[in-house]
Amino acid sequence: MSRAFVKEDSGAEALPERPVSANRNLVTRRGLALIEAEIARHREALAAAGAGAERDAAARASRELRYWSARRSSAEPVDPPARGEAITFGMAVTLEDEHGRRRSFRIVGEDEAEPKEGRIAWVSPVARALVGKWIGDEIALPAGTMEIVAVDPAPEAY
């Protein structure tokens, strides 16, 4: 019988690879530290799964380790300029609407983005609308027009 028609039973379902963004992997120093922490965490998980002969856990940890290792190898750390006249990667920006409500964002790498915490990916529509602008400029957002009222180039503390 041909081996082509025999199903090998590896015991564990093959996990699909996590997709890696085609965009440049710009990261803040904080983002780079987070990537390195993920690598360490998944190395530990892989070692623990291997020691316990847990195939599914080992497969998950291996997949995550491949993803985070790829992200680390392509990472381009970027520090925001100490001063500037245009919003760039890494800067924090405060916007104000016509009712005086404020919203702040820091422009960060894709893996570091957490919109609920005010960190938006540099490739997001809001970040793209902000880049190149400065205090006093207005931007149109789905929620309405907002004015840039403050810019903080200082890197975010870890």
N, C-alpha and C. Protein backbone atom coordinates (compact mmCIF):
# COMPACT_ATOMS: atom_id res chain seq x y z
N MET A 1 0.84 -1.18 0.00
CA MET A 1 0.00 0.00 0.00
C MET A 1 0.88 1.24 0.00
N SER A 2 0.50 2.23 -0.76
CA SER A 2 1.24 3.48 -0.82
C SER A 2 1.10 4.26 0.48
N ARG A 3 2.20 4.85 0.95
CA ARG A 3 2.19 5.66 2.17
C ARG A 3 1.39 6.94 1.96
N ALA A 4 1.10 7.31 0.74
CA ALA A 4 0.37 8.54 0.45
C ALA A 4 -1.07 8.48 0.99
N PHE A 5 -1.60 7.25 1.16
CA PHE A 5 -2.98 7.13 1.62
C PHE A 5 -3.10 6.74 3.07
N VAL A 6 -1.99 6.75 3.79
CA VAL A 6 -2.02 6.41 5.21
C VAL A 6 -1.93 7.70 6.01
N LYS A 7 -2.88 7.89 6.93
CA LYS A 7 -2.90 9.09 7.75
C LYS A 7 -1.98 8.89 8.94
N GLU A 8 -1.02 9.77 9.07
CA GLU A 8 -0.14 9.75 10.23
C GLU A 8 -0.87 10.42 11.37
N ASP A 9 -0.86 9.82 12.54
CA ASP A 9 -1.50 10.41 13.71
C ASP A 9 -0.42 10.96 14.62
N SER A 10 -0.23 12.28 14.55
CA SER A 10 0.79 12.91 15.38
C SER A 10 0.27 13.19 16.78
N GLY A 11 -1.04 13.05 16.96
CA GLY A 11 -1.61 13.31 18.27
C GLY A 11 -2.05 14.76 18.44
N ALA A 12 -1.39 15.68 17.85
CA ALA A 12 -1.73 17.09 18.01
C ALA A 12 -2.07 17.69 16.66
N GLU A 13 -3.10 18.51 16.66
CA GLU A 13 -3.47 19.23 15.44
C GLU A 13 -2.38 20.24 15.13
N ALA A 14 -2.04 20.38 13.86
CA ALA A 14 -1.05 21.38 13.46
C ALA A 14 -1.69 22.76 13.59
N LEU A 15 -1.01 23.63 14.29
CA LEU A 15 -1.51 24.99 14.47
C LEU A 15 -1.08 25.86 13.30
N PRO A 16 -1.97 26.70 12.81
CA PRO A 16 -1.56 27.62 11.75
C PRO A 16 -0.58 28.65 12.31
N GLU A 17 0.33 29.09 11.47
CA GLU A 17 1.28 30.12 11.91
C GLU A 17 0.55 31.43 12.14
N ARG A 18 1.03 32.20 13.09
CA ARG A 18 0.48 33.54 13.30
C ARG A 18 0.97 34.42 12.16
N PRO A 19 0.08 35.17 11.55
CA PRO A 19 0.51 36.03 10.45
C PRO A 19 1.41 37.16 10.95
N VAL A 20 2.45 37.43 10.20
CA VAL A 20 3.38 38.51 10.52
C VAL A 20 3.08 39.66 9.57
N SER A 21 2.92 40.84 10.12
CA SER A 21 2.58 42.02 9.33
C SER A 21 3.63 42.28 8.25
N ALA A 22 3.16 42.74 7.12
CA ALA A 22 4.06 43.09 6.02
C ALA A 22 4.65 44.50 6.20
N ASN A 23 4.11 45.26 7.17
CA ASN A 23 4.61 46.61 7.43
C ASN A 23 5.97 46.54 8.12
N ARG A 24 6.72 47.64 8.03
CA ARG A 24 7.96 47.73 8.80
C ARG A 24 7.62 47.52 10.27
N ASN A 25 8.51 46.90 11.00
CA ASN A 25 8.25 46.60 12.42
C ASN A 25 8.89 47.67 13.30
N LEU A 26 8.34 48.88 13.24
CA LEU A 26 8.82 49.95 14.09
C LEU A 26 8.38 49.66 15.52
N VAL A 27 9.30 49.83 16.48
CA VAL A 27 8.98 49.59 17.88
C VAL A 27 9.58 50.70 18.74
N THR A 28 8.90 50.98 19.84
CA THR A 28 9.47 51.86 20.85
C THR A 28 10.42 51.02 21.70
N ARG A 29 11.19 51.65 22.55
CA ARG A 29 12.06 50.88 23.46
C ARG A 29 11.20 50.00 24.36
N ARG A 30 10.05 50.51 24.80
CA ARG A 30 9.13 49.73 25.61
C ARG A 30 8.62 48.54 24.81
N GLY A 31 8.28 48.77 23.54
CA GLY A 31 7.79 47.69 22.69
C GLY A 31 8.83 46.60 22.47
N LEU A 32 10.09 47.00 22.32
CA LEU A 32 11.16 46.03 22.16
C LEU A 32 11.30 45.18 23.43
N ALA A 33 11.21 45.81 24.58
CA ALA A 33 11.28 45.07 25.85
C ALA A 33 10.10 44.11 25.98
N LEU A 34 8.92 44.51 25.52
CA LEU A 34 7.76 43.62 25.56
C LEU A 34 7.95 42.41 24.66
N ILE A 35 8.53 42.61 23.48
CA ILE A 35 8.80 41.50 22.56
C ILE A 35 9.78 40.53 23.22
N GLU A 36 10.84 41.06 23.81
CA GLU A 36 11.83 40.20 24.47
C GLU A 36 11.22 39.44 25.64
N ALA A 37 10.30 40.08 26.37
CA ALA A 37 9.61 39.40 27.47
C ALA A 37 8.73 38.26 26.95
N GLU A 38 8.08 38.47 25.80
CA GLU A 38 7.26 37.41 25.20
C GLU A 38 8.13 36.23 24.77
N ILE A 39 9.29 36.51 24.21
CA ILE A 39 10.20 35.44 23.81
C ILE A 39 10.60 34.62 25.03
N ALA A 40 10.98 35.29 26.10
CA ALA A 40 11.38 34.59 27.33
C ALA A 40 10.22 33.77 27.89
N ARG A 41 9.03 34.34 27.89
CA ARG A 41 7.85 33.65 28.42
C ARG A 41 7.55 32.38 27.62
N HIS A 42 7.64 32.45 26.31
CA HIS A 42 7.32 31.29 25.48
C HIS A 42 8.44 30.26 25.48
N ARG A 43 9.67 30.69 25.68
CA ARG A 43 10.76 29.72 25.87
C ARG A 43 10.52 28.90 27.13
N GLU A 44 10.13 29.58 28.21
CA GLU A 44 9.82 28.88 29.46
C GLU A 44 8.64 27.93 29.29
N ALA A 45 7.61 28.39 28.58
CA ALA A 45 6.43 27.54 28.34
C ALA A 45 6.80 26.31 27.52
N LEU A 46 7.67 26.50 26.53
CA LEU A 46 8.10 25.37 25.70
C LEU A 46 8.90 24.37 26.54
N ALA A 47 9.79 24.87 27.38
CA ALA A 47 10.58 23.98 28.24
C ALA A 47 9.66 23.21 29.20
N ALA A 48 8.69 23.90 29.77
CA ALA A 48 7.76 23.24 30.71
C ALA A 48 6.91 22.20 29.99
N ALA A 49 6.45 22.52 28.79
CA ALA A 49 5.63 21.58 28.03
C ALA A 49 6.45 20.37 27.61
N GLY A 50 7.71 20.61 27.23
CA GLY A 50 8.58 19.49 26.84
C GLY A 50 8.88 18.58 28.00
N ALA A 51 9.09 19.17 29.17
CA ALA A 51 9.38 18.37 30.36
C ALA A 51 8.18 17.53 30.76
N GLY A 52 6.99 18.04 30.51
CA GLY A 52 5.77 17.32 30.87
C GLY A 52 5.19 16.53 29.73
N ALA A 53 5.89 16.49 28.61
CA ALA A 53 5.43 15.76 27.42
C ALA A 53 4.03 16.20 26.99
N GLU A 54 3.77 17.50 27.06
CA GLU A 54 2.48 18.06 26.67
C GLU A 54 2.59 18.57 25.24
N ARG A 55 2.19 17.75 24.30
CA ARG A 55 2.38 18.07 22.88
C ARG A 55 1.63 19.31 22.43
N ASP A 56 0.37 19.46 22.86
CA ASP A 56 -0.41 20.62 22.44
C ASP A 56 0.20 21.91 23.00
N ALA A 57 0.59 21.88 24.26
CA ALA A 57 1.19 23.07 24.87
C ALA A 57 2.53 23.38 24.21
N ALA A 58 3.28 22.37 23.88
CA ALA A 58 4.57 22.57 23.21
C ALA A 58 4.36 23.16 21.81
N ALA A 59 3.34 22.70 21.12
CA ALA A 59 3.04 23.23 19.78
C ALA A 59 2.64 24.70 19.86
N ARG A 60 1.81 25.04 20.84
CA ARG A 60 1.40 26.45 21.01
C ARG A 60 2.59 27.32 21.36
N ALA A 61 3.42 26.87 22.29
CA ALA A 61 4.59 27.64 22.70
C ALA A 61 5.57 27.79 21.54
N SER A 62 5.75 26.74 20.76
CA SER A 62 6.66 26.81 19.60
C SER A 62 6.17 27.82 18.58
N ARG A 63 4.86 27.80 18.32
CA ARG A 63 4.29 28.74 17.36
C ARG A 63 4.49 30.17 17.85
N GLU A 64 4.20 30.42 19.12
CA GLU A 64 4.37 31.77 19.67
C GLU A 64 5.83 32.19 19.66
N LEU A 65 6.71 31.26 19.96
CA LEU A 65 8.14 31.56 19.95
C LEU A 65 8.62 31.91 18.54
N ARG A 66 8.12 31.21 17.53
CA ARG A 66 8.47 31.55 16.14
C ARG A 66 7.98 32.95 15.79
N TYR A 67 6.74 33.25 16.18
CA TYR A 67 6.17 34.56 15.87
C TYR A 67 7.00 35.68 16.53
N TRP A 68 7.21 35.57 17.84
CA TRP A 68 7.90 36.64 18.56
C TRP A 68 9.37 36.73 18.16
N SER A 69 9.99 35.63 17.80
CA SER A 69 11.38 35.66 17.32
C SER A 69 11.46 36.38 15.98
N ALA A 70 10.47 36.15 15.11
CA ALA A 70 10.42 36.86 13.83
C ALA A 70 10.22 38.35 14.05
N ARG A 71 9.36 38.69 15.00
CA ARG A 71 9.12 40.11 15.29
C ARG A 71 10.37 40.75 15.89
N ARG A 72 11.11 40.01 16.70
CA ARG A 72 12.34 40.56 17.28
C ARG A 72 13.39 40.76 16.20
N SER A 73 13.51 39.81 15.28
CA SER A 73 14.55 39.93 14.26
C SER A 73 14.26 41.06 13.28
N SER A 74 12.99 41.42 13.11
CA SER A 74 12.66 42.50 12.19
C SER A 74 12.42 43.84 12.89
N ALA A 75 12.55 43.86 14.21
CA ALA A 75 12.26 45.08 14.98
C ALA A 75 13.22 46.21 14.63
N GLU A 76 12.65 47.39 14.47
CA GLU A 76 13.42 48.61 14.21
C GLU A 76 13.12 49.60 15.33
N PRO A 77 13.95 49.61 16.40
CA PRO A 77 13.69 50.55 17.50
C PRO A 77 13.80 51.99 17.03
N VAL A 78 12.81 52.80 17.41
CA VAL A 78 12.77 54.20 17.02
C VAL A 78 12.52 55.03 18.27
N ASP A 79 13.38 55.99 18.50
CA ASP A 79 13.17 56.94 19.59
C ASP A 79 12.58 58.20 19.02
N PRO A 80 11.53 58.75 19.67
CA PRO A 80 10.99 60.01 19.16
C PRO A 80 12.02 61.12 19.33
N PRO A 81 11.98 62.13 18.49
CA PRO A 81 12.93 63.23 18.65
C PRO A 81 12.65 63.96 19.96
N ALA A 82 13.70 64.53 20.56
CA ALA A 82 13.54 65.26 21.82
C ALA A 82 12.63 66.47 21.62
N ARG A 83 12.73 67.07 20.47
CA ARG A 83 11.86 68.21 20.11
C ARG A 83 11.46 68.04 18.67
N GLY A 84 10.42 68.71 18.31
CA GLY A 84 10.02 68.63 16.92
C GLY A 84 8.91 69.60 16.61
N GLU A 85 8.60 69.66 15.37
CA GLU A 85 7.49 70.49 14.92
C GLU A 85 6.50 69.67 14.12
N ALA A 86 6.67 68.36 14.20
CA ALA A 86 5.75 67.46 13.52
C ALA A 86 5.64 66.18 14.35
N ILE A 87 4.44 65.68 14.46
CA ILE A 87 4.20 64.45 15.22
C ILE A 87 4.81 63.29 14.46
N THR A 88 5.52 62.43 15.21
CA THR A 88 6.16 61.25 14.63
C THR A 88 5.91 60.05 15.54
N PHE A 89 6.44 58.93 15.12
CA PHE A 89 6.36 57.68 15.87
C PHE A 89 6.89 57.87 17.28
N GLY A 90 6.20 57.31 18.26
CA GLY A 90 6.64 57.34 19.65
C GLY A 90 6.10 58.50 20.46
N MET A 91 5.59 59.51 19.80
CA MET A 91 5.08 60.68 20.52
C MET A 91 3.68 60.44 21.07
N ALA A 92 3.39 61.14 22.17
CA ALA A 92 2.04 61.14 22.72
C ALA A 92 1.36 62.43 22.27
N VAL A 93 0.10 62.32 21.91
CA VAL A 93 -0.65 63.45 21.37
C VAL A 93 -1.97 63.57 22.13
N THR A 94 -2.32 64.79 22.51
CA THR A 94 -3.60 65.04 23.16
C THR A 94 -4.48 65.83 22.20
N LEU A 95 -5.69 65.32 22.01
CA LEU A 95 -6.67 65.94 21.12
C LEU A 95 -7.84 66.46 21.96
N GLU A 96 -8.47 67.52 21.47
CA GLU A 96 -9.63 68.07 22.16
C GLU A 96 -10.74 68.31 21.15
N ASP A 97 -11.97 67.91 21.53
CA ASP A 97 -13.10 68.14 20.63
C ASP A 97 -13.74 69.49 20.93
N GLU A 98 -14.78 69.81 20.22
CA GLU A 98 -15.43 71.12 20.35
C GLU A 98 -16.11 71.33 21.71
N HIS A 99 -16.30 70.24 22.46
CA HIS A 99 -16.93 70.32 23.79
C HIS A 99 -15.90 70.32 24.91
N GLY A 100 -14.62 70.36 24.54
CA GLY A 100 -13.56 70.39 25.54
C GLY A 100 -13.14 69.02 26.06
N ARG A 101 -13.70 67.96 25.49
CA ARG A 101 -13.31 66.60 25.91
C ARG A 101 -11.97 66.27 25.27
N ARG A 102 -11.10 65.69 26.09
CA ARG A 102 -9.76 65.37 25.61
C ARG A 102 -9.55 63.87 25.49
N ARG A 103 -8.68 63.52 24.57
CA ARG A 103 -8.30 62.11 24.34
C ARG A 103 -6.83 62.10 23.99
N SER A 104 -6.06 61.23 24.63
CA SER A 104 -4.62 61.15 24.36
C SER A 104 -4.26 59.82 23.76
N PHE A 105 -3.29 59.87 22.85
CA PHE A 105 -2.79 58.67 22.18
C PHE A 105 -1.27 58.74 22.12
N ARG A 106 -0.63 57.58 22.20
CA ARG A 106 0.80 57.48 21.91
C ARG A 106 0.91 56.59 20.68
N ILE A 107 1.72 57.00 19.72
CA ILE A 107 1.89 56.25 18.47
C ILE A 107 3.01 55.25 18.68
N VAL A 108 2.68 53.96 18.56
CA VAL A 108 3.60 52.87 18.88
C VAL A 108 3.60 51.81 17.78
N GLY A 109 4.38 50.75 17.99
CA GLY A 109 4.43 49.63 17.06
C GLY A 109 3.17 48.79 17.09
N GLU A 110 2.99 47.99 16.07
CA GLU A 110 1.77 47.18 15.95
C GLU A 110 1.56 46.21 17.11
N ASP A 111 2.62 45.55 17.56
CA ASP A 111 2.46 44.57 18.64
C ASP A 111 2.23 45.24 19.98
N GLU A 112 2.60 46.49 20.11
CA GLU A 112 2.48 47.22 21.37
C GLU A 112 1.14 47.96 21.49
N ALA A 113 0.43 48.09 20.40
CA ALA A 113 -0.81 48.86 20.38
C ALA A 113 -1.84 48.29 21.34
N GLU A 114 -2.48 49.17 22.07
CA GLU A 114 -3.57 48.84 22.99
C GLU A 114 -4.46 50.08 23.06
N PRO A 115 -5.38 50.23 22.09
CA PRO A 115 -6.17 51.46 21.99
C PRO A 115 -6.88 51.86 23.29
N LYS A 116 -7.39 50.89 24.04
CA LYS A 116 -8.08 51.23 25.29
C LYS A 116 -7.14 51.89 26.30
N GLU A 117 -5.84 51.63 26.15
CA GLU A 117 -4.85 52.23 27.04
C GLU A 117 -4.19 53.45 26.40
N GLY A 118 -4.69 53.86 25.23
CA GLY A 118 -4.17 55.05 24.58
C GLY A 118 -2.95 54.84 23.71
N ARG A 119 -2.62 53.58 23.40
CA ARG A 119 -1.49 53.30 22.51
C ARG A 119 -2.06 52.79 21.18
N ILE A 120 -1.75 53.54 20.11
CA ILE A 120 -2.28 53.17 18.80
C ILE A 120 -1.12 52.84 17.85
N ALA A 121 -1.34 51.87 17.00
CA ALA A 121 -0.33 51.44 16.03
C ALA A 121 -0.06 52.54 15.03
N TRP A 122 1.19 52.67 14.66
CA TRP A 122 1.59 53.71 13.71
C TRP A 122 0.93 53.56 12.35
N VAL A 123 0.42 52.37 12.05
CA VAL A 123 -0.25 52.14 10.77
C VAL A 123 -1.76 52.35 10.85
N SER A 124 -2.28 52.68 12.02
CA SER A 124 -3.72 52.89 12.18
C SER A 124 -4.15 54.19 11.50
N PRO A 125 -5.41 54.29 11.11
CA PRO A 125 -5.89 55.52 10.45
C PRO A 125 -5.71 56.77 11.32
N VAL A 126 -5.94 56.67 12.63
CA VAL A 126 -5.79 57.84 13.50
C VAL A 126 -4.33 58.27 13.54
N ALA A 127 -3.41 57.32 13.70
CA ALA A 127 -1.98 57.65 13.74
C ALA A 127 -1.55 58.28 12.42
N ARG A 128 -2.01 57.73 11.33
CA ARG A 128 -1.64 58.28 10.02
C ARG A 128 -2.17 59.70 9.85
N ALA A 129 -3.35 59.97 10.42
CA ALA A 129 -3.90 61.33 10.35
C ALA A 129 -3.09 62.30 11.21
N LEU A 130 -2.47 61.80 12.29
CA LEU A 130 -1.71 62.65 13.20
C LEU A 130 -0.29 62.94 12.73
N VAL A 131 0.35 61.96 12.11
CA VAL A 131 1.75 62.11 11.71
C VAL A 131 1.91 63.30 10.76
N GLY A 132 2.89 64.14 11.11
CA GLY A 132 3.17 65.32 10.31
C GLY A 132 2.43 66.57 10.77
N LYS A 133 1.45 66.41 11.65
CA LYS A 133 0.69 67.54 12.17
C LYS A 133 1.38 68.08 13.43
N TRP A 134 0.84 69.18 13.99
CA TRP A 134 1.40 69.76 15.22
C TRP A 134 0.31 70.48 15.99
N ILE A 135 0.65 70.98 17.14
CA ILE A 135 -0.29 71.67 18.02
C ILE A 135 -1.02 72.77 17.24
N GLY A 136 -2.33 72.79 17.40
CA GLY A 136 -3.17 73.77 16.71
C GLY A 136 -3.82 73.23 15.45
N ASP A 137 -3.25 72.15 14.90
CA ASP A 137 -3.84 71.55 13.71
C ASP A 137 -5.10 70.77 14.10
N GLU A 138 -6.00 70.65 13.16
CA GLU A 138 -7.22 69.87 13.37
C GLU A 138 -7.18 68.63 12.49
N ILE A 139 -7.76 67.55 13.01
CA ILE A 139 -7.88 66.33 12.21
C ILE A 139 -9.32 65.86 12.26
N ALA A 140 -9.76 65.28 11.18
CA ALA A 140 -11.11 64.74 11.09
C ALA A 140 -11.07 63.27 11.46
N LEU A 141 -11.85 62.90 12.46
CA LEU A 141 -11.96 61.52 12.91
C LEU A 141 -13.41 61.08 12.77
N PRO A 142 -13.69 59.79 12.81
CA PRO A 142 -15.08 59.34 12.73
C PRO A 142 -15.97 59.99 13.82
N ALA A 143 -15.38 60.28 14.99
CA ALA A 143 -16.14 60.88 16.08
C ALA A 143 -16.29 62.39 15.92
N GLY A 144 -15.64 62.96 14.92
CA GLY A 144 -15.72 64.40 14.68
C GLY A 144 -14.34 65.02 14.56
N THR A 145 -14.33 66.33 14.35
CA THR A 145 -13.08 67.04 14.20
C THR A 145 -12.49 67.33 15.57
N MET A 146 -11.18 67.10 15.70
CA MET A 146 -10.50 67.36 16.96
C MET A 146 -9.25 68.19 16.70
N GLU A 147 -8.90 69.00 17.69
CA GLU A 147 -7.72 69.84 17.59
C GLU A 147 -6.59 69.23 18.41
N ILE A 148 -5.39 69.29 17.88
CA ILE A 148 -4.21 68.83 18.62
C ILE A 148 -3.85 69.93 19.60
N VAL A 149 -3.89 69.61 20.91
CA VAL A 149 -3.63 70.62 21.94
C VAL A 149 -2.32 70.40 22.69
N ALA A 150 -1.74 69.21 22.59
CA ALA A 150 -0.47 68.95 23.26
C ALA A 150 0.24 67.78 22.59
N VAL A 151 1.58 67.84 22.64
CA VAL A 151 2.41 66.77 22.10
C VAL A 151 3.52 66.52 23.12
N ASP A 152 3.74 65.25 23.44
CA ASP A 152 4.79 64.87 24.38
C ASP A 152 5.74 63.91 23.67
N PRO A 153 6.97 64.35 23.37
CA PRO A 153 7.90 63.46 22.68
C PRO A 153 8.61 62.49 23.62
N ALA A 154 8.46 62.65 24.93
CA ALA A 154 9.17 61.79 25.88
C ALA A 154 8.73 60.35 25.72
N PRO A 155 9.70 59.42 25.72
CA PRO A 155 9.32 58.00 25.60
C PRO A 155 8.50 57.56 26.81
N GLU A 156 7.62 56.60 26.56
CA GLU A 156 6.79 56.05 27.62
C GLU A 156 7.63 55.17 28.53
N ALA A 157 7.44 55.34 29.81
CA ALA A 157 8.15 54.49 30.77
C ALA A 157 7.57 53.09 30.70
N TYR A 158 8.41 52.11 30.92
CA TYR A 158 7.96 50.72 30.87
C TYR A 158 7.05 50.41 31.98
